[in-house]
Amino acid sequence: MSSGFGLAPPPKLGKTPFRADEFSDDIVLVTGGGTGLGKAIALEFGRIGAKVCIASRSSDHIESGLKYLQEYGVTARGYTLDIRSEQSVRDTFAKISSEIGFPNILVNNAAGNFPVAAEELTPNGFRSVVDIVLNGTFLCSREIARYHIGHKSRACILNIGASYSWTGGPGFVHSASAKAGVKAMTETLAVEWAPYGIRVNSLVPGLFPHEDETSHIKATPGRLDSDNLRAPALRAGAPRELGWAAAFLCSRYASYITGHTMVVDGANWQRRFMTQPEFISVRDQLGLGDFQES
């Protein structure tokens, strides 16, 4: 390792570049907001005055998310939502609207993912991830857009993407395919809906270790070793940094930004070796033996 010292650490948890009432007129819905990075994004919106709603299929995730937000002084509402279901999406948005008003900011954070060799991936496993990541993002986006287009009111949609939308993602063919669709969707809807005052952007997180990572992700070989040495920044990201970026893209200070994908990863996805290291197949990385056709 060279003698570099990396990028500066972020401000402490609780700091914010915005006024405390910056989002006081806004209702924010964060799908998958009860855990991980969704929880961090919800927290930052809540700190700056937004009425925060978190949604999940899991009541346990909702309960733990609300408890976490409360511990940091943010009161939020939780809603059961299956983003794969058009009816569930409609019902949840209607319930939010009847209780506090229709959301004008949507963060499409809910996702599904697990490492797998493509030849081992079942059609159902592929469909399940695509259904959550791609179809669910569309259903929620369509619901909020239809309301605001009809009411001639402005809104903002923020999709959570992935850098393998550009590069491909060996070992994650289901998620990489779905996230590439989300990127195309972001750019398409930004053009279609800008005339109606609806902005659509995407936020791509890099390495942000957190306590809610799934067992599948934690079990990825080498995943937890030397996290701070896995990016040119010489440190991993803090979840609050993603929350600040999300708040900026949804703020009035980004009112002319739409169709954009912002990457928050310490320049990690652009890194390249001058001489590529020896190739290791996905099966070998996952510790699988020879493929046996069933």
C-alpha atoms as a PDB file:
ATOM      1  CA  MET A   1       0.000   0.000   0.000  1.00  0.00           C
ATOM      2  CA  SER A   2       1.250   3.476  -0.873  1.00  0.00           C
ATOM      3  CA  SER A   3       1.647   6.267   1.660  1.00  0.00           C
ATOM      4  CA  GLY A   4      -1.670   7.904   0.702  1.00  0.00           C
ATOM      5  CA  PHE A   5      -4.038   9.045   3.433  1.00  0.00           C
ATOM      6  CA  GLY A   6      -7.390   8.977   1.645  1.00  0.00           C
ATOM      7  CA  LEU A   7     -10.421  11.244   1.605  1.00  0.00           C
ATOM      8  CA  ALA A   8     -11.479  13.183   4.686  1.00  0.00           C
ATOM      9  CA  PRO A   9     -13.957  11.536   7.057  1.00  0.00           C
ATOM     10  CA  PRO A  10     -17.530  12.846   6.958  1.00  0.00           C
ATOM     11  CA  PRO A  11     -19.015  15.198   9.576  1.00  0.00           C
ATOM     12  CA  LYS A  12     -20.421  13.466  12.619  1.00  0.00           C
ATOM     13  CA  LEU A  13     -23.835  11.815  12.693  1.00  0.00           C
ATOM     14  CA  GLY A  14     -26.408  14.528  13.316  1.00  0.00           C
ATOM     15  CA  LYS A  15     -24.730  17.210  11.225  1.00  0.00           C
ATOM     16  CA  THR A  16     -26.536  18.467   8.124  1.00  0.00           C
ATOM     17  CA  PRO A  17     -25.906  21.086   5.414  1.00  0.00           C
ATOM     18  CA  PHE A  18     -29.598  22.025   5.462  1.00  0.00           C
ATOM     19  CA  ARG A  19     -31.776  24.107   7.755  1.00  0.00           C
ATOM     20  CA  ALA A  20     -33.809  22.142  10.277  1.00  0.00           C
ATOM     21  CA  ASP A  21     -37.032  23.073   8.459  1.00  0.00           C
ATOM     22  CA  GLU A  22     -35.739  22.638   4.893  1.00  0.00           C
ATOM     23  CA  PHE A  23     -38.242  19.880   4.079  1.00  0.00           C
ATOM     24  CA  SER A  24     -41.042  20.916   6.435  1.00  0.00           C
ATOM     25  CA  ASP A  25     -43.539  21.086   3.558  1.00  0.00           C
ATOM     26  CA  ASP A  26     -42.611  17.647   2.219  1.00  0.00           C
ATOM     27  CA  ILE A  27     -43.905  14.128   2.714  1.00  0.00           C
ATOM     28  CA  VAL A  28     -41.221  11.546   1.960  1.00  0.00           C
ATOM     29  CA  LEU A  29     -41.817   7.845   1.379  1.00  0.00           C
ATOM     30  CA  VAL A  30     -38.763   5.571   1.561  1.00  0.00           C
ATOM     31  CA  THR A  31     -39.407   2.007   0.415  1.00  0.00           C
ATOM     32  CA  GLY A  32     -37.279  -0.497   2.286  1.00  0.00           C
ATOM     33  CA  GLY A  33     -36.812   2.300   4.812  1.00  0.00           C
ATOM     34  CA  GLY A  34     -36.765   0.113   7.894  1.00  0.00           C
ATOM     35  CA  THR A  35     -33.235  -1.213   7.436  1.00  0.00           C
ATOM     36  CA  GLY A  36     -29.779  -0.342   6.196  1.00  0.00           C
ATOM     37  CA  LEU A  37     -29.259   2.490   3.770  1.00  0.00           C
ATOM     38  CA  GLY A  38     -32.988   3.164   3.473  1.00  0.00           C
ATOM     39  CA  LYS A  39     -33.084   3.755   7.202  1.00  0.00           C
ATOM     40  CA  ALA A  40     -30.138   6.141   6.952  1.00  0.00           C
ATOM     41  CA  ILE A  41     -31.823   8.086   4.151  1.00  0.00           C
ATOM     42  CA  ALA A  42     -35.089   8.308   6.097  1.00  0.00           C
ATOM     43  CA  LEU A  43     -33.200   9.611   9.130  1.00  0.00           C
ATOM     44  CA  GLU A  44     -31.582  12.482   7.243  1.00  0.00           C
ATOM     45  CA  PHE A  45     -34.892  13.575   5.709  1.00  0.00           C
ATOM     46  CA  GLY A  46     -36.481  13.481   9.137  1.00  0.00           C
ATOM     47  CA  ARG A  47     -33.735  15.597  10.679  1.00  0.00           C
ATOM     48  CA  ILE A  48     -34.510  18.445   8.277  1.00  0.00           C
ATOM     49  CA  GLY A  49     -38.216  18.584   8.830  1.00  0.00           C
ATOM     50  CA  ALA A  50     -39.808  16.125   6.402  1.00  0.00           C
ATOM     51  CA  LYS A  51     -42.811  14.028   7.321  1.00  0.00           C
ATOM     52  CA  VAL A  52     -41.211  10.608   6.901  1.00  0.00           C
ATOM     53  CA  CYS A  53     -42.920   7.364   5.923  1.00  0.00           C
ATOM     54  CA  ILE A  54     -41.055   4.078   5.729  1.00  0.00           C
ATOM     55  CA  ALA A  55     -42.459   1.016   3.986  1.00  0.00           C
ATOM     56  CA  SER A  56     -41.563  -2.645   3.936  1.00  0.00           C
ATOM     57  CA  ARG A  57     -43.101  -6.072   3.466  1.00  0.00           C
ATOM     58  CA  SER A  58     -41.774  -6.997   6.910  1.00  0.00           C
ATOM     59  CA  SER A  59     -43.535  -5.698  10.009  1.00  0.00           C
ATOM     60  CA  ASP A  60     -40.370  -6.458  11.993  1.00  0.00           C
ATOM     61  CA  HIS A  61     -38.337  -4.209   9.689  1.00  0.00           C
ATOM     62  CA  ILE A  62     -40.905  -1.448  10.033  1.00  0.00           C
ATOM     63  CA  GLU A  63     -40.917  -1.714  13.814  1.00  0.00           C
ATOM     64  CA  SER A  64     -37.122  -1.725  14.129  1.00  0.00           C
ATOM     65  CA  GLY A  65     -36.821   1.154  11.647  1.00  0.00           C
ATOM     66  CA  LEU A  66     -39.312   3.321  13.514  1.00  0.00           C
ATOM     67  CA  LYS A  67     -37.539   2.568  16.784  1.00  0.00           C
ATOM     68  CA  TYR A  68     -34.182   3.533  15.295  1.00  0.00           C
ATOM     69  CA  LEU A  69     -35.522   6.806  13.920  1.00  0.00           C
ATOM     70  CA  GLN A  70     -37.159   7.618  17.245  1.00  0.00           C
ATOM     71  CA  GLU A  71     -33.854   7.083  19.058  1.00  0.00           C
ATOM     72  CA  TYR A  72     -32.399   9.888  16.940  1.00  0.00           C
ATOM     73  CA  GLY A  73     -35.335  12.222  17.439  1.00  0.00           C
ATOM     74  CA  VAL A  74     -37.283  11.509  14.240  1.00  0.00           C
ATOM     75  CA  THR A  75     -40.938  10.541  14.435  1.00  0.00           C
ATOM     76  CA  ALA A  76     -42.020   8.595  11.367  1.00  0.00           C
ATOM     77  CA  ARG A  77     -44.885   6.436  10.162  1.00  0.00           C
ATOM     78  CA  GLY A  78     -44.576   2.852   8.977  1.00  0.00           C
ATOM     79  CA  TYR A  79     -46.583   1.106   6.273  1.00  0.00           C
ATOM     80  CA  THR A  80     -46.745  -2.468   5.057  1.00  0.00           C
ATOM     81  CA  LEU A  81     -46.063  -2.490   1.331  1.00  0.00           C
ATOM     82  CA  ASP A  82     -45.335  -5.139  -1.275  1.00  0.00           C
ATOM     83  CA  ILE A  83     -43.952  -3.069  -4.137  1.00  0.00           C
ATOM     84  CA  ARG A  84     -44.387  -6.018  -6.511  1.00  0.00           C
ATOM     85  CA  SER A  85     -48.155  -5.667  -6.235  1.00  0.00           C
ATOM     86  CA  GLU A  86     -49.982  -2.858  -8.041  1.00  0.00           C
ATOM     87  CA  GLN A  87     -52.879  -3.153  -5.593  1.00  0.00           C
ATOM     88  CA  SER A  88     -50.588  -2.998  -2.558  1.00  0.00           C
ATOM     89  CA  VAL A  89     -48.906   0.098  -3.978  1.00  0.00           C
ATOM     90  CA  ARG A  90     -52.250   1.787  -4.596  1.00  0.00           C
ATOM     91  CA  ASP A  91     -53.575   0.881  -1.149  1.00  0.00           C
ATOM     92  CA  THR A  92     -50.458   2.073   0.659  1.00  0.00           C
ATOM     93  CA  PHE A  93     -50.310   5.422  -1.131  1.00  0.00           C
ATOM     94  CA  ALA A  94     -54.022   5.900  -0.467  1.00  0.00           C
ATOM     95  CA  LYS A  95     -53.541   5.159   3.226  1.00  0.00           C
ATOM     96  CA  ILE A  96     -50.662   7.607   3.516  1.00  0.00           C
ATOM     97  CA  SER A  97     -52.733  10.219   1.702  1.00  0.00           C
ATOM     98  CA  SER A  98     -55.677   9.771   4.055  1.00  0.00           C
ATOM     99  CA  GLU A  99     -53.482  10.052   7.149  1.00  0.00           C
ATOM    100  CA  ILE A 100     -50.990  12.821   6.385  1.00  0.00           C
ATOM    101  CA  GLY A 101     -51.237  13.718   2.695  1.00  0.00           C
ATOM    102  CA  PHE A 102     -49.936  12.313  -0.576  1.00  0.00           C
ATOM    103  CA  PRO A 103     -46.124  11.948  -0.718  1.00  0.00           C
ATOM    104  CA  ASN A 104     -44.305  14.406  -2.965  1.00  0.00           C
ATOM    105  CA  ILE A 105     -40.909  12.720  -2.569  1.00  0.00           C
ATOM    106  CA  LEU A 106     -40.392   9.022  -3.269  1.00  0.00           C
ATOM    107  CA  VAL A 107     -37.165   7.139  -2.594  1.00  0.00           C
ATOM    108  CA  ASN A 108     -37.240   3.780  -4.394  1.00  0.00           C
ATOM    109  CA  ASN A 109     -34.822   1.982  -2.115  1.00  0.00           C
ATOM    110  CA  ALA A 110     -36.366  -1.479  -1.642  1.00  0.00           C
ATOM    111  CA  ALA A 111     -34.324  -4.197  -3.321  1.00  0.00           C
ATOM    112  CA  GLY A 112     -33.478  -7.871  -3.369  1.00  0.00           C
ATOM    113  CA  ASN A 113     -30.076  -9.405  -4.002  1.00  0.00           C
ATOM    114  CA  PHE A 114     -27.871 -12.411  -3.306  1.00  0.00           C
ATOM    115  CA  PRO A 115     -24.633 -13.699  -4.848  1.00  0.00           C
ATOM    116  CA  VAL A 116     -25.104 -16.614  -7.224  1.00  0.00           C
ATOM    117  CA  ALA A 117     -23.503 -18.140 -10.298  1.00  0.00           C
ATOM    118  CA  ALA A 118     -25.838 -17.496 -13.250  1.00  0.00           C
ATOM    119  CA  GLU A 119     -26.071 -21.180 -14.177  1.00  0.00           C
ATOM    120  CA  GLU A 120     -27.226 -21.954 -10.623  1.00  0.00           C
ATOM    121  CA  LEU A 121     -29.858 -19.207 -10.557  1.00  0.00           C
ATOM    122  CA  THR A 122     -33.427 -20.438 -10.840  1.00  0.00           C
ATOM    123  CA  PRO A 123     -35.917 -18.648 -13.092  1.00  0.00           C
ATOM    124  CA  ASN A 124     -37.947 -17.879  -9.982  1.00  0.00           C
ATOM    125  CA  GLY A 125     -34.913 -16.352  -8.271  1.00  0.00           C
ATOM    126  CA  PHE A 126     -34.239 -14.152 -11.291  1.00  0.00           C
ATOM    127  CA  ARG A 127     -37.890 -13.094 -11.535  1.00  0.00           C
ATOM    128  CA  SER A 128     -38.083 -12.345  -7.826  1.00  0.00           C
ATOM    129  CA  VAL A 129     -35.196  -9.872  -7.865  1.00  0.00           C
ATOM    130  CA  VAL A 130     -36.321  -8.223 -11.109  1.00  0.00           C
ATOM    131  CA  ASP A 131     -39.865  -7.981  -9.756  1.00  0.00           C
ATOM    132  CA  ILE A 132     -38.714  -6.120  -6.648  1.00  0.00           C
ATOM    133  CA  VAL A 133     -35.959  -3.954  -8.094  1.00  0.00           C
ATOM    134  CA  LEU A 134     -37.305  -3.064 -11.535  1.00  0.00           C
ATOM    135  CA  ASN A 135     -41.055  -3.656 -11.522  1.00  0.00           C
ATOM    136  CA  GLY A 136     -41.485  -2.346  -7.982  1.00  0.00           C
ATOM    137  CA  THR A 137     -39.594   0.830  -8.807  1.00  0.00           C
ATOM    138  CA  PHE A 138     -41.885   1.408 -11.794  1.00  0.00           C
ATOM    139  CA  LEU A 139     -45.115   0.709  -9.915  1.00  0.00           C
ATOM    140  CA  CYS A 140     -44.251   3.134  -7.106  1.00  0.00           C
ATOM    141  CA  SER A 141     -42.977   5.779  -9.541  1.00  0.00           C
ATOM    142  CA  ARG A 142     -46.081   5.478 -11.692  1.00  0.00           C
ATOM    143  CA  GLU A 143     -48.355   5.865  -8.680  1.00  0.00           C
ATOM    144  CA  ILE A 144     -46.766   9.074  -7.439  1.00  0.00           C
ATOM    145  CA  ALA A 145     -46.550  10.509 -10.966  1.00  0.00           C
ATOM    146  CA  ARG A 146     -50.181   9.843 -11.809  1.00  0.00           C
ATOM    147  CA  TYR A 147     -51.300  11.697  -8.705  1.00  0.00           C
ATOM    148  CA  HIS A 148     -49.105  14.751  -9.187  1.00  0.00           C
ATOM    149  CA  ILE A 149     -49.693  14.989 -12.940  1.00  0.00           C
ATOM    150  CA  GLY A 150     -53.418  14.867 -12.249  1.00  0.00           C
ATOM    151  CA  HIS A 151     -53.196  17.474  -9.476  1.00  0.00           C
ATOM    152  CA  LYS A 152     -50.717  19.685 -11.361  1.00  0.00           C
ATOM    153  CA  SER A 153     -48.288  19.563  -8.443  1.00  0.00           C
ATOM    154  CA  ARG A 154     -44.548  18.967  -8.389  1.00  0.00           C
ATOM    155  CA  ALA A 155     -42.776  15.880  -7.072  1.00  0.00           C
ATOM    156  CA  CYS A 156     -39.381  14.202  -6.911  1.00  0.00           C
ATOM    157  CA  ILE A 157     -38.433  10.564  -7.400  1.00  0.00           C
ATOM    158  CA  LEU A 158     -35.057   9.178  -6.347  1.00  0.00           C
ATOM    159  CA  ASN A 159     -34.110   5.665  -7.424  1.00  0.00           C
ATOM    160  CA  ILE A 160     -31.312   3.736  -5.734  1.00  0.00           C
ATOM    161  CA  GLY A 161     -29.115   2.280  -8.449  1.00  0.00           C
ATOM    162  CA  ALA A 162     -25.867   0.319  -8.681  1.00  0.00           C
ATOM    163  CA  SER A 163     -22.597   0.852 -10.510  1.00  0.00           C
ATOM    164  CA  TYR A 164     -22.890  -2.497 -12.251  1.00  0.00           C
ATOM    165  CA  SER A 165     -25.650  -0.887 -14.313  1.00  0.00           C
ATOM    166  CA  TRP A 166     -22.698   0.221 -16.474  1.00  0.00           C
ATOM    167  CA  THR A 167     -20.192  -2.549 -15.927  1.00  0.00           C
ATOM    168  CA  GLY A 168     -22.265  -5.698 -15.495  1.00  0.00           C
ATOM    169  CA  GLY A 169     -22.135  -7.646 -12.261  1.00  0.00           C
ATOM    170  CA  PRO A 170     -20.719 -11.181 -12.429  1.00  0.00           C
ATOM    171  CA  GLY A 171     -22.240 -13.135  -9.569  1.00  0.00           C
ATOM    172  CA  PHE A 172     -25.268 -10.826  -9.515  1.00  0.00           C
ATOM    173  CA  VAL A 173     -26.853 -11.231 -12.948  1.00  0.00           C
ATOM    174  CA  HIS A 174     -30.375 -10.759 -11.577  1.00  0.00           C
ATOM    175  CA  SER A 175     -29.626  -7.529  -9.719  1.00  0.00           C
ATOM    176  CA  ALA A 176     -27.297  -6.123 -12.392  1.00  0.00           C
ATOM    177  CA  SER A 177     -29.940  -6.662 -15.067  1.00  0.00           C
ATOM    178  CA  ALA A 178     -32.643  -5.057 -12.923  1.00  0.00           C
ATOM    179  CA  LYS A 179     -30.491  -2.096 -11.899  1.00  0.00           C
ATOM    180  CA  ALA A 180     -29.552  -1.456 -15.533  1.00  0.00           C
ATOM    181  CA  GLY A 181     -33.276  -1.254 -16.168  1.00  0.00           C
ATOM    182  CA  VAL A 182     -33.672   1.201 -13.301  1.00  0.00           C
ATOM    183  CA  LYS A 183     -30.989   3.436 -14.817  1.00  0.00           C
ATOM    184  CA  ALA A 184     -32.763   3.424 -18.183  1.00  0.00           C
ATOM    185  CA  MET A 185     -36.065   4.030 -16.428  1.00  0.00           C
ATOM    186  CA  THR A 186     -34.626   7.013 -14.547  1.00  0.00           C
ATOM    187  CA  GLU A 187     -33.452   8.664 -17.756  1.00  0.00           C
ATOM    188  CA  THR A 188     -36.667   7.863 -19.622  1.00  0.00           C
ATOM    189  CA  LEU A 189     -39.097   9.070 -16.965  1.00  0.00           C
ATOM    190  CA  ALA A 190     -37.053  12.225 -16.360  1.00  0.00           C
ATOM    191  CA  VAL A 191     -37.778  13.298 -19.934  1.00  0.00           C
ATOM    192  CA  GLU A 192     -41.411  12.231 -19.917  1.00  0.00           C
ATOM    193  CA  TRP A 193     -42.312  13.816 -16.598  1.00  0.00           C
ATOM    194  CA  ALA A 194     -40.214  16.995 -16.515  1.00  0.00           C
ATOM    195  CA  PRO A 195     -42.988  18.982 -18.244  1.00  0.00           C
ATOM    196  CA  TYR A 196     -45.219  18.117 -15.283  1.00  0.00           C
ATOM    197  CA  GLY A 197     -42.718  19.281 -12.667  1.00  0.00           C
ATOM    198  CA  ILE A 198     -41.573  15.800 -11.660  1.00  0.00           C
ATOM    199  CA  ARG A 199     -37.838  15.201 -11.343  1.00  0.00           C
ATOM    200  CA  VAL A 200     -36.390  11.676 -11.511  1.00  0.00           C
ATOM    201  CA  ASN A 201     -32.813  10.953 -10.475  1.00  0.00           C
ATOM    202  CA  SER A 202     -30.749   8.006  -9.329  1.00  0.00           C
ATOM    203  CA  LEU A 203     -28.276   7.586  -6.492  1.00  0.00           C
ATOM    204  CA  VAL A 204     -25.621   4.872  -6.653  1.00  0.00           C
ATOM    205  CA  PRO A 205     -24.024   3.833  -3.355  1.00  0.00           C
ATOM    206  CA  GLY A 206     -20.554   2.368  -3.115  1.00  0.00           C
ATOM    207  CA  LEU A 207     -19.315   0.353  -0.156  1.00  0.00           C
ATOM    208  CA  PHE A 208     -21.404   1.357   2.858  1.00  0.00           C
ATOM    209  CA  PRO A 209     -21.102  -1.360   5.518  1.00  0.00           C
ATOM    210  CA  HIS A 210     -24.031  -1.422   7.930  1.00  0.00           C
ATOM    211  CA  GLU A 211     -25.528  -3.716  10.535  1.00  0.00           C
ATOM    212  CA  ASP A 212     -28.540  -4.710   8.420  1.00  0.00           C
ATOM    213  CA  GLU A 213     -26.694  -6.339   5.537  1.00  0.00           C
ATOM    214  CA  THR A 214     -28.215  -9.697   4.652  1.00  0.00           C
ATOM    215  CA  SER A 215     -26.465 -12.929   5.530  1.00  0.00           C
ATOM    216  CA  HIS A 216     -26.083 -13.637   1.786  1.00  0.00           C
ATOM    217  CA  ILE A 217     -24.153 -10.405   1.248  1.00  0.00           C
ATOM    218  CA  LYS A 218     -22.078 -10.798   4.407  1.00  0.00           C
ATOM    219  CA  ALA A 219     -21.151 -14.300   3.264  1.00  0.00           C
ATOM    220  CA  THR A 220     -19.694 -13.084  -0.051  1.00  0.00           C
ATOM    221  CA  PRO A 221     -16.059 -14.254   0.028  1.00  0.00           C
ATOM    222  CA  GLY A 222     -13.751 -11.489   1.273  1.00  0.00           C
ATOM    223  CA  ARG A 223     -16.700  -9.126   1.816  1.00  0.00           C
ATOM    224  CA  LEU A 224     -15.773  -7.948   5.316  1.00  0.00           C
ATOM    225  CA  ASP A 225     -11.991  -8.018   5.008  1.00  0.00           C
ATOM    226  CA  SER A 226     -10.221  -4.647   5.011  1.00  0.00           C
ATOM    227  CA  ASP A 227     -13.242  -2.595   3.940  1.00  0.00           C
ATOM    228  CA  ASN A 228     -11.317   0.645   4.357  1.00  0.00           C
ATOM    229  CA  LEU A 229      -8.757  -0.465   1.768  1.00  0.00           C
ATOM    230  CA  ARG A 230     -11.281  -1.386  -0.928  1.00  0.00           C
ATOM    231  CA  ALA A 231     -11.718   2.070  -2.471  1.00  0.00           C
ATOM    232  CA  PRO A 232      -9.338   4.802  -3.715  1.00  0.00           C
ATOM    233  CA  ALA A 233     -10.725   6.910  -0.846  1.00  0.00           C
ATOM    234  CA  LEU A 234      -8.983   4.488   1.554  1.00  0.00           C
ATOM    235  CA  ARG A 235     -12.178   4.273   3.576  1.00  0.00           C
ATOM    236  CA  ALA A 236     -15.685   2.916   3.262  1.00  0.00           C
ATOM    237  CA  GLY A 237     -18.666   5.247   3.204  1.00  0.00           C
ATOM    238  CA  ALA A 238     -20.785   6.163   6.206  1.00  0.00           C
ATOM    239  CA  PRO A 239     -24.528   5.616   5.595  1.00  0.00           C
ATOM    240  CA  ARG A 240     -25.293   9.227   6.550  1.00  0.00           C
ATOM    241  CA  GLU A 241     -23.255  10.377   3.534  1.00  0.00           C
ATOM    242  CA  LEU A 242     -25.779   8.684   1.277  1.00  0.00           C
ATOM    243  CA  GLY A 243     -28.570  10.361   3.227  1.00  0.00           C
ATOM    244  CA  TRP A 244     -27.057  13.808   2.621  1.00  0.00           C
ATOM    245  CA  ALA A 245     -26.724  13.088  -1.100  1.00  0.00           C
ATOM    246  CA  ALA A 246     -30.344  11.912  -1.253  1.00  0.00           C
ATOM    247  CA  ALA A 247     -31.556  15.059   0.496  1.00  0.00           C
ATOM    248  CA  PHE A 248     -29.613  17.273  -1.913  1.00  0.00           C
ATOM    249  CA  LEU A 249     -30.993  15.587  -5.030  1.00  0.00           C
ATOM    250  CA  CYS A 250     -34.538  15.970  -3.691  1.00  0.00           C
ATOM    251  CA  SER A 251     -34.062  19.568  -2.519  1.00  0.00           C
ATOM    252  CA  ARG A 252     -34.904  22.852  -4.215  1.00  0.00           C
ATOM    253  CA  TYR A 253     -31.162  23.376  -4.690  1.00  0.00           C
ATOM    254  CA  ALA A 254     -31.242  20.573  -7.272  1.00  0.00           C
ATOM    255  CA  SER A 255     -34.352  21.873  -9.034  1.00  0.00           C
ATOM    256  CA  TYR A 256     -32.687  21.770 -12.486  1.00  0.00           C
ATOM    257  CA  ILE A 257     -31.185  18.318 -12.034  1.00  0.00           C
ATOM    258  CA  THR A 258     -33.207  15.454 -13.494  1.00  0.00           C
ATOM    259  CA  GLY A 259     -32.296  12.284 -15.362  1.00  0.00           C
ATOM    260  CA  HIS A 260     -28.987  12.248 -13.489  1.00  0.00           C
ATOM    261  CA  THR A 261     -27.207   9.373 -11.763  1.00  0.00           C
ATOM    262  CA  MET A 262     -24.993  10.436  -8.864  1.00  0.00           C
ATOM    263  CA  VAL A 263     -22.396   7.941  -7.669  1.00  0.00           C
ATOM    264  CA  VAL A 264     -21.291   8.146  -4.027  1.00  0.00           C
ATOM    265  CA  ASP A 265     -18.451   5.644  -3.764  1.00  0.00           C
ATOM    266  CA  GLY A 266     -15.084   7.368  -3.366  1.00  0.00           C
ATOM    267  CA  ALA A 267     -14.274   6.828  -7.079  1.00  0.00           C
ATOM    268  CA  ASN A 268     -14.354   3.072  -6.580  1.00  0.00           C
ATOM    269  CA  TRP A 269     -16.251   2.004  -9.672  1.00  0.00           C
ATOM    270  CA  GLN A 270     -13.793   3.797 -11.997  1.00  0.00           C
ATOM    271  CA  ARG A 271     -10.740   2.011 -10.632  1.00  0.00           C
ATOM    272  CA  ARG A 272      -8.703  -0.157 -12.981  1.00  0.00           C
ATOM    273  CA  PHE A 273      -5.496  -2.160 -12.686  1.00  0.00           C
ATOM    274  CA  MET A 274      -2.680  -1.266 -15.073  1.00  0.00           C
ATOM    275  CA  THR A 275      -2.168  -5.003 -15.470  1.00  0.00           C
ATOM    276  CA  GLN A 276      -5.243  -7.018 -14.643  1.00  0.00           C
ATOM    277  CA  PRO A 277      -4.825  -9.650 -11.911  1.00  0.00           C
ATOM    278  CA  GLU A 278      -5.385 -13.295 -12.735  1.00  0.00           C
ATOM    279  CA  PHE A 279      -9.030 -14.041 -13.502  1.00  0.00           C
ATOM    280  CA  ILE A 280     -11.016 -16.029 -10.940  1.00  0.00           C
ATOM    281  CA  SER A 281     -14.369 -17.379 -12.102  1.00  0.00           C
ATOM    282  CA  VAL A 282     -17.537 -16.642 -10.181  1.00  0.00           C
ATOM    283  CA  ARG A 283     -17.883 -20.325  -9.262  1.00  0.00           C
ATOM    284  CA  ASP A 284     -14.395 -20.310  -7.765  1.00  0.00           C
ATOM    285  CA  GLN A 285     -15.063 -17.048  -5.919  1.00  0.00           C
ATOM    286  CA  LEU A 286     -18.182 -18.588  -4.393  1.00  0.00           C
ATOM    287  CA  GLY A 287     -16.381 -21.806  -3.505  1.00  0.00           C
ATOM    288  CA  LEU A 288     -18.503 -23.959  -5.805  1.00  0.00           C
ATOM    289  CA  GLY A 289     -17.339 -27.178  -7.361  1.00  0.00           C
ATOM    290  CA  ASP A 290     -17.859 -28.247 -10.943  1.00  0.00           C
ATOM    291  CA  PHE A 291     -21.335 -27.606 -12.268  1.00  0.00           C
ATOM    292  CA  GLN A 292     -23.567 -30.672 -12.299  1.00  0.00           C
ATOM    293  CA  GLU A 293     -26.599 -30.342 -14.560  1.00  0.00           C
ATOM    294  CA  SER A 294     -29.704 -31.590 -12.797  1.00  0.00           C
END
